[in-house]
Amino acid sequence: MKAGDIYMNSFTSAAFVSNPSNYTIDNLTLSLISPQEIVPFYNISSSNCSLKTIFPFTTCSIDFNIQFNQSGSGYLVFTLSNEIITPAILTFPVHVIIDRAEFELNPSSSNFIVSRNSQQTLVITINNTGSFRLGPLVILLPDQTYIYLITPNISTIEKYGNASFTLAIQISDSAPLSIFTLRGIIRDNTYLITHSFTIQLTIVGSNETLFDLNIVCKDEFSYFGNNLLNLANVTITLVNYDLNVKYVFQSNETGQATISLVAGTYEIGAQARNHSSYRNAVTVDRNMASNNEFLIFLQRILVSYTFKVTQVSVDQTYIITLDAQFVAYVPAPVLVVSPTTIDLNELETKQGITQLDFTFTNYGLIRLNDLQLSLSTSHPFLRFSVQQLPIGNIEANSSIIVSLAIEHLNVSRSNRTTETICSLIIPFFGFYICDTKHFVGGVILFTKLGCGVGDFWGDGGYGGGLIEGTITYYPPIKLVELSCDNCITSILNCIISWTPYASITRTAIDISE
């Protein structure tokens, strides 16, 4: 069979359908179910029957007229059915060629993960899917140093035939770790038809050559005080998906770790107790073979919040409190707010409350910059705004008061009853500089007595005591390698600024923030 708009492939008495029963079968439908995408037109008829109705003990011949829009081999599948009978399946093997010179490549796209100092071969087959002999054919590659032709050209390929050519992939020991994509072309010089093929190489290191990655783990305490210590017992994870490897290990008591790795780019993550997590990427190669250290800086979590849910005498009623736990006098801002919890029910019912004052205290030794509140707009009839903007900075070991204005919208009492929420939060945050920005913050909790708190104990009764949990605020971390020169400068700046002795002032040394 041939493909193309000008070709109609006709088959007379290609199949027979019989009704061996005593009953007439009507409302029949004969339709193509596969492959519909390559058949733009077909017609099915019978010379001795109406295919919509087949009478008892009748055999009908089936004729086909069909067009194809592409070449290939496979099966035509038809069904003959109505709403009652089990469908009859008609299957025909076909081989379709297009009435012109044409060919296909297999594979036309290839992906390889190849290591340095290695060789591979790739065989690509050219299938003649047209109706003419092909040739001569040439293979064209761009200028590069990784892929070479072993088979330079192919003289001819007969109709329905095929031929193959071979490519050599050779990666030197000095090849850069990279992803390389090549696009080649096969051209028939007689009919001037071309097809392209692509090869993608992911170049990785060789198992025969390993490089040491020296890691040092630090936090703010590594740069402050008389006893400077790196961060011990940090769990470090290294993953390389191209190499299909994963390593998990810990820093030693001096905060250091060394591992020998195949060259490549690794995802690196680190975790330590009471510290924020760390994620980054590191490329291990020859330049890492020196004494260079890869620094992992973990921001210490200095403030956490403990919430307590306590049952009171009224059924299904609970008191929720939020307590801040923090470490003071450390080389980082330690930001704590008071109060941490506000009675939302009182705020809703008492329209005379138009302002709330919050005390923000920095218990750390580093200034907190640009304190901000993220005000909620989810409440149906309360609106919040900060009265003094911008709020500004909080110096080390000092406090500021932030006034929050409360606006009660003009909402009817009935709507206030139906349109309400049980709680909302107002996050707050600021930053400090330790080479890059590091954010710290927390939340103010607005909650109602017992609102929306379900039965914690199920159907078996309530029980006694209280429920406790801890919410730890994890600030976002910018994933970059850090040096803490600016952090040390900030610490010295804070120390010198509040040293009470007159002989030590800011002008004693040259410090820039």
Foldseek 3Di string as FASTA:
>chain_A
DEADPVDKDKDWLPDKDWAQDQAKQAQKDKDWDPDPVFWPDKDKDWPPDGLRIHHHGDMTGIMMITHTHAFDWDKTWMWIDDPPDDIDIDIDTDGYAYADWDKDKVPQEEEEEEEAQDKDKDKIKIFTRHDAKFAWKAKDWDDDDFKDWPDGTHGIAGHRGMDMTMMMGHHHQPDDQDKDKIKMKMAGPPVGDIDIGMYIYGYWHDPVDKAKAKEAAAEQQLQDDDDRATDWFKWKWKDDVSVGDIDIDTAHRRRMDMDIGGFDKIWMKIDDPQWFIATDIDTDDDVNRDPDHFYDYTYGQFKWKKWKWFDDPDPLWTDIAIDMGGDAAGLFWDKDKPPQEAAQVCPQPDQVPFKDKMKIFTRYLFKWFFKDKAFDPQFPFKGKDWPDPPPTIAHHGGMDITMITIGGHPDDPVCSVVRGDFKDKMKMKTWDDQPHTDMDTGIRIHGHTSPPRDQPPPPPDRDHDMDMDMGGDRTDDDHDGGDRPVSSLRSVQSCQPPDPDPVGHPPPDDGDD
